[in-house]
C-alpha atoms as a PDB file:
ATOM      1  CA  MET A   1     149.804 -32.791  89.156  1.00  0.00           C
ATOM      2  CA  ILE A   2     153.348 -33.185  87.818  1.00  0.00           C
ATOM      3  CA  ALA A   3     154.026 -31.840  84.415  1.00  0.00           C
ATOM      4  CA  ILE A   4     156.677 -33.220  82.076  1.00  0.00           C
ATOM      5  CA  PRO A   5     156.908 -31.479  78.671  1.00  0.00           C
ATOM      6  CA  THR A   6     157.991 -33.361  75.665  1.00  0.00           C
ATOM      7  CA  THR A   7     158.035 -30.160  73.394  1.00  0.00           C
ATOM      8  CA  ALA A   8     159.851 -26.886  73.847  1.00  0.00           C
ATOM      9  CA  GLY A   9     157.468 -24.201  73.032  1.00  0.00           C
ATOM     10  CA  THR A  10     154.172 -23.929  74.970  1.00  0.00           C
ATOM     11  CA  GLY A  11     155.564 -23.792  78.549  1.00  0.00           C
ATOM     12  CA  SER A  12     152.295 -24.976  79.907  1.00  0.00           C
ATOM     13  CA  GLU A  13     154.203 -26.875  82.697  1.00  0.00           C
ATOM     14  CA  VAL A  14     154.490 -23.558  84.485  1.00  0.00           C
ATOM     15  CA  GLY A  15     151.525 -21.763  83.254  1.00  0.00           C
ATOM     16  CA  ARG A  16     148.220 -20.840  84.811  1.00  0.00           C
ATOM     17  CA  GLY A  17     146.091 -21.443  81.795  1.00  0.00           C
ATOM     18  CA  ALA A  18     144.573 -24.109  79.609  1.00  0.00           C
ATOM     19  CA  LEU A  19     143.019 -23.837  76.235  1.00  0.00           C
ATOM     20  CA  ILE A  20     139.975 -25.755  75.066  1.00  0.00           C
ATOM     21  CA  ILE A  21     138.046 -25.685  71.724  1.00  0.00           C
ATOM     22  CA  LEU A  22     134.280 -25.533  72.171  1.00  0.00           C
ATOM     23  CA  ASP A  23     131.751 -27.099  69.706  1.00  0.00           C
ATOM     24  CA  ASP A  24     131.023 -23.776  68.186  1.00  0.00           C
ATOM     25  CA  GLY A  25     134.773 -23.365  67.231  1.00  0.00           C
ATOM     26  CA  ARG A  26     135.676 -20.911  69.985  1.00  0.00           C
ATOM     27  CA  LYS A  27     139.220 -21.464  71.412  1.00  0.00           C
ATOM     28  CA  VAL A  28     138.929 -20.230  75.056  1.00  0.00           C
ATOM     29  CA  ALA A  29     141.237 -20.025  77.958  1.00  0.00           C
ATOM     30  CA  LEU A  30     140.744 -21.212  81.448  1.00  0.00           C
ATOM     31  CA  ILE A  31     143.043 -19.191  83.772  1.00  0.00           C
ATOM     32  CA  SER A  32     143.453 -20.170  87.372  1.00  0.00           C
ATOM     33  CA  PRO A  33     146.101 -20.611  89.931  1.00  0.00           C
ATOM     34  CA  HIS A  34     144.601 -24.039  90.418  1.00  0.00           C
ATOM     35  CA  VAL A  35     145.792 -24.963  86.893  1.00  0.00           C
ATOM     36  CA  VAL A  36     149.470 -24.645  87.793  1.00  0.00           C
ATOM     37  CA  PRO A  37     151.099 -27.925  88.199  1.00  0.00           C
ATOM     38  CA  LYS A  38     152.622 -28.687  91.639  1.00  0.00           C
ATOM     39  CA  LEU A  39     155.957 -29.819  89.920  1.00  0.00           C
ATOM     40  CA  ALA A  40     157.511 -29.428  86.556  1.00  0.00           C
ATOM     41  CA  ILE A  41     160.201 -31.737  85.318  1.00  0.00           C
ATOM     42  CA  CYS A  42     161.770 -30.128  82.292  1.00  0.00           C
ATOM     43  CA  ASP A  43     164.230 -32.567  80.859  1.00  0.00           C
ATOM     44  CA  PRO A  44     165.545 -31.496  77.317  1.00  0.00           C
ATOM     45  CA  ALA A  45     166.479 -35.215  76.622  1.00  0.00           C
ATOM     46  CA  LEU A  46     162.617 -35.804  76.079  1.00  0.00           C
ATOM     47  CA  THR A  47     162.719 -33.480  73.107  1.00  0.00           C
ATOM     48  CA  LEU A  48     165.601 -35.161  71.331  1.00  0.00           C
ATOM     49  CA  GLY A  49     163.209 -37.247  69.061  1.00  0.00           C
ATOM     50  CA  LEU A  50     160.883 -34.386  68.216  1.00  0.00           C
ATOM     51  CA  PRO A  51     160.388 -34.224  64.436  1.00  0.00           C
ATOM     52  CA  LYS A  52     162.178 -31.121  62.545  1.00  0.00           C
ATOM     53  CA  MET A  53     159.063 -29.226  61.787  1.00  0.00           C
ATOM     54  CA  LEU A  54     157.593 -29.633  65.255  1.00  0.00           C
ATOM     55  CA  THR A  55     160.878 -28.399  66.803  1.00  0.00           C
ATOM     56  CA  ALA A  56     160.777 -25.464  64.491  1.00  0.00           C
ATOM     57  CA  ALA A  57     157.067 -24.670  65.074  1.00  0.00           C
ATOM     58  CA  THR A  58     157.084 -25.136  68.877  1.00  0.00           C
ATOM     59  CA  GLY A  59     160.306 -23.172  69.084  1.00  0.00           C
ATOM     60  CA  MET A  60     158.690 -20.235  67.296  1.00  0.00           C
ATOM     61  CA  ASP A  61     155.857 -20.473  69.761  1.00  0.00           C
ATOM     62  CA  ALA A  62     158.518 -19.899  72.500  1.00  0.00           C
ATOM     63  CA  VAL A  63     159.978 -16.980  70.507  1.00  0.00           C
ATOM     64  CA  THR A  64     156.484 -15.518  70.040  1.00  0.00           C
ATOM     65  CA  HIS A  65     155.797 -15.787  73.843  1.00  0.00           C
ATOM     66  CA  CYS A  66     158.897 -13.904  74.745  1.00  0.00           C
ATOM     67  CA  MET A  67     158.654 -11.322  72.009  1.00  0.00           C
ATOM     68  CA  GLU A  68     154.789 -10.701  72.432  1.00  0.00           C
ATOM     69  CA  THR A  69     154.744 -10.658  76.166  1.00  0.00           C
ATOM     70  CA  PHE A  70     157.883  -8.112  76.207  1.00  0.00           C
ATOM     71  CA  MET A  71     155.771  -5.859  73.926  1.00  0.00           C
ATOM     72  CA  SER A  72     152.529  -6.161  76.061  1.00  0.00           C
ATOM     73  CA  SER A  73     151.139  -3.037  77.400  1.00  0.00           C
ATOM     74  CA  ALA A  74     150.956  -4.376  81.018  1.00  0.00           C
ATOM     75  CA  TYR A  75     153.630  -3.201  83.413  1.00  0.00           C
ATOM     76  CA  ASN A  76     155.628  -6.152  84.819  1.00  0.00           C
ATOM     77  CA  PRO A  77     159.516  -5.436  84.710  1.00  0.00           C
ATOM     78  CA  PRO A  78     160.448  -8.940  86.223  1.00  0.00           C
ATOM     79  CA  ALA A  79     158.359 -10.554  83.401  1.00  0.00           C
ATOM     80  CA  ASP A  80     160.125  -8.364  80.810  1.00  0.00           C
ATOM     81  CA  GLY A  81     163.468  -9.608  82.063  1.00  0.00           C
ATOM     82  CA  ILE A  82     162.580 -13.252  81.817  1.00  0.00           C
ATOM     83  CA  ALA A  83     161.079 -12.645  78.421  1.00  0.00           C
ATOM     84  CA  LEU A  84     164.289 -11.270  77.077  1.00  0.00           C
ATOM     85  CA  ASP A  85     166.409 -13.831  78.567  1.00  0.00           C
ATOM     86  CA  GLY A  86     164.146 -16.459  77.002  1.00  0.00           C
ATOM     87  CA  LEU A  87     164.153 -14.560  73.569  1.00  0.00           C
ATOM     88  CA  GLN A  88     168.074 -14.601  73.652  1.00  0.00           C
ATOM     89  CA  LYS A  89     168.204 -18.344  74.344  1.00  0.00           C
ATOM     90  CA  ALA A  90     165.653 -19.236  71.725  1.00  0.00           C
ATOM     91  CA  TRP A  91     166.896 -17.088  68.998  1.00  0.00           C
ATOM     92  CA  ALA A  92     170.451 -18.424  69.435  1.00  0.00           C
ATOM     93  CA  ASN A  93     169.436 -22.040  69.508  1.00  0.00           C
ATOM     94  CA  ILE A  94     166.257 -22.643  67.437  1.00  0.00           C
ATOM     95  CA  GLU A  95     168.053 -23.374  64.240  1.00  0.00           C
ATOM     96  CA  LEU A  96     170.597 -25.582  65.836  1.00  0.00           C
ATOM     97  CA  ALA A  97     167.878 -27.517  67.551  1.00  0.00           C
ATOM     98  CA  THR A  98     165.912 -27.815  64.355  1.00  0.00           C
ATOM     99  CA  HIS A  99     168.728 -28.834  62.101  1.00  0.00           C
ATOM    100  CA  GLU A 100     170.999 -30.620  64.603  1.00  0.00           C
ATOM    101  CA  PRO A 101     168.311 -32.552  66.648  1.00  0.00           C
ATOM    102  CA  ALA A 102     170.731 -34.339  68.785  1.00  0.00           C
ATOM    103  CA  ASN A 103     172.347 -31.107  69.960  1.00  0.00           C
ATOM    104  CA  ARG A 104     171.731 -31.426  73.748  1.00  0.00           C
ATOM    105  CA  ASP A 105     172.805 -27.898  74.376  1.00  0.00           C
ATOM    106  CA  ALA A 106     170.503 -26.379  71.941  1.00  0.00           C
ATOM    107  CA  ARG A 107     167.592 -28.630  73.311  1.00  0.00           C
ATOM    108  CA  LEU A 108     168.393 -27.441  76.708  1.00  0.00           C
ATOM    109  CA  ASN A 109     168.242 -23.696  75.773  1.00  0.00           C
ATOM    110  CA  MET A 110     165.145 -24.207  73.957  1.00  0.00           C
ATOM    111  CA  MET A 111     163.494 -25.946  76.916  1.00  0.00           C
ATOM    112  CA  CYS A 112     164.541 -22.988  79.041  1.00  0.00           C
ATOM    113  CA  ALA A 113     163.151 -20.620  76.456  1.00  0.00           C
ATOM    114  CA  SER A 114     159.915 -22.286  76.601  1.00  0.00           C
ATOM    115  CA  MET A 115     159.597 -22.296  80.251  1.00  0.00           C
ATOM    116  CA  GLU A 116     160.601 -18.596  80.573  1.00  0.00           C
ATOM    117  CA  GLY A 117     158.252 -17.580  77.764  1.00  0.00           C
ATOM    118  CA  ALA A 118     155.396 -19.129  79.889  1.00  0.00           C
ATOM    119  CA  MET A 119     156.576 -17.525  83.128  1.00  0.00           C
ATOM    120  CA  ALA A 120     156.672 -14.213  81.326  1.00  0.00           C
ATOM    121  CA  PHE A 121     153.335 -14.342  79.535  1.00  0.00           C
ATOM    122  CA  GLN A 122     151.478 -14.195  82.755  1.00  0.00           C
ATOM    123  CA  LYS A 123     151.772 -10.503  81.926  1.00  0.00           C
ATOM    124  CA  GLY A 124     149.720 -10.934  78.890  1.00  0.00           C
ATOM    125  CA  LEU A 125     150.204 -11.307  75.188  1.00  0.00           C
ATOM    126  CA  GLY A 126     148.713  -9.755  72.202  1.00  0.00           C
ATOM    127  CA  CYS A 127     147.309  -9.719  68.658  1.00  0.00           C
ATOM    128  CA  VAL A 128     149.407 -12.566  67.455  1.00  0.00           C
ATOM    129  CA  HIS A 129     147.855 -14.878  70.039  1.00  0.00           C
ATOM    130  CA  SER A 130     144.293 -13.415  69.711  1.00  0.00           C
ATOM    131  CA  LEU A 131     144.403 -14.181  65.885  1.00  0.00           C
ATOM    132  CA  SER A 132     146.055 -17.638  66.222  1.00  0.00           C
ATOM    133  CA  HIS A 133     143.694 -18.605  69.078  1.00  0.00           C
ATOM    134  CA  SER A 134     140.807 -17.680  66.902  1.00  0.00           C
ATOM    135  CA  LEU A 135     142.002 -19.322  63.813  1.00  0.00           C
ATOM    136  CA  GLY A 136     143.128 -22.408  65.736  1.00  0.00           C
ATOM    137  CA  GLY A 137     139.515 -22.790  67.056  1.00  0.00           C
ATOM    138  CA  ILE A 138     137.988 -22.369  63.534  1.00  0.00           C
ATOM    139  CA  ASN A 139     140.496 -25.065  62.191  1.00  0.00           C
ATOM    140  CA  PRO A 140     142.050 -27.179  65.106  1.00  0.00           C
ATOM    141  CA  LYS A 141     144.200 -29.016  62.522  1.00  0.00           C
ATOM    142  CA  LEU A 142     146.286 -25.762  62.070  1.00  0.00           C
ATOM    143  CA  HIS A 143     149.403 -25.737  64.464  1.00  0.00           C
ATOM    144  CA  HIS A 144     149.456 -23.059  67.134  1.00  0.00           C
ATOM    145  CA  GLY A 145     153.169 -22.446  66.757  1.00  0.00           C
ATOM    146  CA  THR A 146     153.069 -22.271  63.017  1.00  0.00           C
ATOM    147  CA  LEU A 147     150.332 -19.812  63.213  1.00  0.00           C
ATOM    148  CA  ASN A 148     152.364 -17.573  65.692  1.00  0.00           C
ATOM    149  CA  ALA A 149     155.344 -17.708  63.273  1.00  0.00           C
ATOM    150  CA  ILE A 150     153.149 -16.427  60.396  1.00  0.00           C
ATOM    151  CA  PHE A 151     151.362 -13.711  62.348  1.00  0.00           C
ATOM    152  CA  LEU A 152     154.364 -12.322  64.304  1.00  0.00           C
ATOM    153  CA  PRO A 153     156.027 -10.214  61.560  1.00  0.00           C
ATOM    154  CA  ALA A 154     152.785  -8.337  60.672  1.00  0.00           C
ATOM    155  CA  VAL A 155     151.796  -7.686  64.464  1.00  0.00           C
ATOM    156  CA  ILE A 156     155.439  -6.363  65.087  1.00  0.00           C
ATOM    157  CA  ARG A 157     154.969  -3.836  62.302  1.00  0.00           C
ATOM    158  CA  PHE A 158     151.528  -2.953  63.507  1.00  0.00           C
ATOM    159  CA  ASN A 159     152.977  -2.399  67.064  1.00  0.00           C
ATOM    160  CA  THR A 160     156.063  -0.446  65.982  1.00  0.00           C
ATOM    161  CA  PRO A 161     154.723   2.960  66.038  1.00  0.00           C
ATOM    162  CA  CYS A 162     153.107   2.469  69.517  1.00  0.00           C
ATOM    163  CA  GLU A 163     154.195   5.063  72.152  1.00  0.00           C
ATOM    164  CA  SER A 164     155.271   2.664  74.679  1.00  0.00           C
ATOM    165  CA  MET A 165     157.379   0.743  72.240  1.00  0.00           C
ATOM    166  CA  VAL A 166     159.191   3.786  71.218  1.00  0.00           C
ATOM    167  CA  GLN A 167     159.637   5.260  74.713  1.00  0.00           C
ATOM    168  CA  GLU A 168     160.923   2.057  76.256  1.00  0.00           C
ATOM    169  CA  LYS A 169     163.056   1.209  73.138  1.00  0.00           C
ATOM    170  CA  LYS A 170     161.544  -2.092  73.033  1.00  0.00           C
ATOM    171  CA  LEU A 171     162.573  -3.053  69.481  1.00  0.00           C
ATOM    172  CA  GLN A 172     166.143  -2.124  70.299  1.00  0.00           C
ATOM    173  CA  ARG A 173     166.148  -4.142  73.340  1.00  0.00           C
ATOM    174  CA  MET A 174     164.634  -7.162  71.536  1.00  0.00           C
ATOM    175  CA  ALA A 175     167.278  -6.728  68.698  1.00  0.00           C
ATOM    176  CA  HIS A 176     170.018  -6.857  71.371  1.00  0.00           C
ATOM    177  CA  ALA A 177     168.621  -9.945  72.925  1.00  0.00           C
ATOM    178  CA  MET A 178     168.668 -11.496  69.326  1.00  0.00           C
ATOM    179  CA  GLY A 179     172.180 -10.371  68.731  1.00  0.00           C
ATOM    180  CA  LEU A 180     171.246  -7.970  66.099  1.00  0.00           C
ATOM    181  CA  PRO A 181     172.103  -4.233  65.472  1.00  0.00           C
ATOM    182  CA  ALA A 182     169.778  -1.942  67.354  1.00  0.00           C
ATOM    183  CA  ASP A 183     168.270  -0.552  64.174  1.00  0.00           C
ATOM    184  CA  SER A 184     167.587  -4.067  62.606  1.00  0.00           C
ATOM    185  CA  ASP A 185     164.185  -4.691  61.160  1.00  0.00           C
ATOM    186  CA  ILE A 186     162.698  -7.254  63.688  1.00  0.00           C
ATOM    187  CA  ALA A 187     159.857  -8.195  61.663  1.00  0.00           C
ATOM    188  CA  ARG A 188     161.942  -8.958  58.575  1.00  0.00           C
ATOM    189  CA  ALA A 189     164.482 -10.862  60.839  1.00  0.00           C
ATOM    190  CA  VAL A 190     161.407 -13.119  61.957  1.00  0.00           C
ATOM    191  CA  GLU A 191     160.537 -13.672  58.410  1.00  0.00           C
ATOM    192  CA  ASP A 192     163.980 -14.719  57.551  1.00  0.00           C
ATOM    193  CA  ILE A 193     164.263 -17.282  60.409  1.00  0.00           C
ATOM    194  CA  ASN A 194     160.918 -18.625  59.606  1.00  0.00           C
ATOM    195  CA  GLU A 195     162.286 -19.328  56.082  1.00  0.00           C
ATOM    196  CA  ARG A 196     165.490 -20.780  57.108  1.00  0.00           C
ATOM    197  CA  LEU A 197     163.584 -23.150  59.548  1.00  0.00           C
ATOM    198  CA  GLY A 198     161.403 -24.255  56.574  1.00  0.00           C
ATOM    199  CA  LEU A 199     158.083 -23.003  57.946  1.00  0.00           C
ATOM    200  CA  PRO A 200     155.304 -21.672  55.946  1.00  0.00           C
ATOM    201  CA  ALA A 201     155.434 -17.951  55.309  1.00  0.00           C
ATOM    202  CA  LYS A 202     151.642 -17.241  54.630  1.00  0.00           C
ATOM    203  CA  LEU A 203     148.327 -18.431  55.689  1.00  0.00           C
ATOM    204  CA  SER A 204     147.399 -19.294  52.122  1.00  0.00           C
ATOM    205  CA  GLN A 205     150.037 -22.103  52.259  1.00  0.00           C
ATOM    206  CA  LEU A 206     147.921 -23.622  54.964  1.00  0.00           C
ATOM    207  CA  GLY A 207     144.711 -23.595  52.966  1.00  0.00           C
ATOM    208  CA  VAL A 208     143.137 -20.497  54.906  1.00  0.00           C
ATOM    209  CA  GLU A 209     140.779 -18.642  52.892  1.00  0.00           C
ATOM    210  CA  ARG A 210     139.928 -14.911  52.826  1.00  0.00           C
ATOM    211  CA  SER A 211     136.156 -15.966  53.389  1.00  0.00           C
ATOM    212  CA  THR A 212     137.085 -16.931  57.022  1.00  0.00           C
ATOM    213  CA  PHE A 213     138.597 -13.270  57.915  1.00  0.00           C
ATOM    214  CA  GLU A 214     135.416 -11.952  59.521  1.00  0.00           C
ATOM    215  CA  HIS A 215     135.074 -15.138  61.618  1.00  0.00           C
ATOM    216  CA  ILE A 216     138.782 -15.034  62.689  1.00  0.00           C
ATOM    217  CA  ILE A 217     138.409 -11.243  63.622  1.00  0.00           C
ATOM    218  CA  GLU A 218     135.235 -11.864  65.581  1.00  0.00           C
ATOM    219  CA  GLY A 219     137.170 -14.512  67.599  1.00  0.00           C
ATOM    220  CA  ALA A 220     140.271 -12.217  68.040  1.00  0.00           C
ATOM    221  CA  PHE A 221     138.170  -9.542  69.516  1.00  0.00           C
ATOM    222  CA  ALA A 222     136.718 -11.973  72.089  1.00  0.00           C
ATOM    223  CA  ASP A 223     140.176 -13.517  72.988  1.00  0.00           C
ATOM    224  CA  HIS A 224     141.852 -12.443  76.321  1.00  0.00           C
ATOM    225  CA  SER A 225     145.078 -11.652  74.378  1.00  0.00           C
ATOM    226  CA  HIS A 226     143.545  -8.873  72.396  1.00  0.00           C
ATOM    227  CA  LYS A 227     143.289  -6.579  75.444  1.00  0.00           C
ATOM    228  CA  THR A 228     146.985  -6.517  76.402  1.00  0.00           C
ATOM    229  CA  ASN A 229     148.493  -5.723  72.889  1.00  0.00           C
ATOM    230  CA  PRO A 230     150.465  -2.437  73.153  1.00  0.00           C
ATOM    231  CA  ARG A 231     148.442  -0.886  70.480  1.00  0.00           C
ATOM    232  CA  GLN A 232     144.612  -1.520  70.207  1.00  0.00           C
ATOM    233  CA  ALA A 233     143.584  -3.234  67.138  1.00  0.00           C
ATOM    234  CA  SER A 234     140.509  -2.163  65.341  1.00  0.00           C
ATOM    235  CA  HIS A 235     138.430  -4.352  62.888  1.00  0.00           C
ATOM    236  CA  ASP A 236     140.319  -2.615  59.953  1.00  0.00           C
ATOM    237  CA  ASP A 237     143.562  -3.245  61.683  1.00  0.00           C
ATOM    238  CA  TYR A 238     142.938  -6.930  61.977  1.00  0.00           C
ATOM    239  CA  VAL A 239     142.021  -7.068  58.204  1.00  0.00           C
ATOM    240  CA  ARG A 240     145.302  -5.419  57.357  1.00  0.00           C
ATOM    241  CA  ILE A 241     147.311  -7.919  59.626  1.00  0.00           C
ATOM    242  CA  LEU A 242     145.340 -10.857  58.062  1.00  0.00           C
ATOM    243  CA  GLU A 243     146.083  -9.506  54.512  1.00  0.00           C
ATOM    244  CA  GLU A 244     149.671  -8.981  55.329  1.00  0.00           C
ATOM    245  CA  SER A 245     149.937 -12.597  56.564  1.00  0.00           C
ATOM    246  CA  PHE A 246     147.797 -14.057  53.856  1.00  0.00           C
END
């Protein structure tokens, strides 16, 4: 299998996983070395025609991959290094790629960030993806990258008190990769860039209703990404994250 991506976000061309949505609404992962393509051809020219909102949403998927895998509780220093490099590239170029779609340098850097995010998330992801996988299974019309962009600020705030986040100065290291002061409010910075990109800020803007919260949480607990979040989320924690994102 030869994989040729036409978006810069998922990074599935170098991933060992595939997601499928079952008839009962579950969005489940197939993870195997046999899923990894034999060859990936990553040509940023193939993303030049990507519409503005898809550029922004898939780009925030790459940003989320890099941030969430870096925050993950699993120990994998090489993956952390790749994630930070991908974050630096994505953060510096996502707005350029969105607002200047013919900017080949920005498209190249977003393609690299997408690939690096997927190389790094072999380490594991977290609550952003456990929630977006669950909600995306309930309503497949909701775009995965857009959901990640909405959930990311609330999950960063939830993760912030985590001991590993503090001891390893993960927020400061992410801020450095993003070109921000070490004491920056990373969650707020994500909200701000979402706004500048023109992405929805809240789930309610997508038509999500509070009545689905219990179903979303049930799916989040069953998702493989739940276990590698740096701070284990309870039912009430998920409710608070959903409310903050609503």
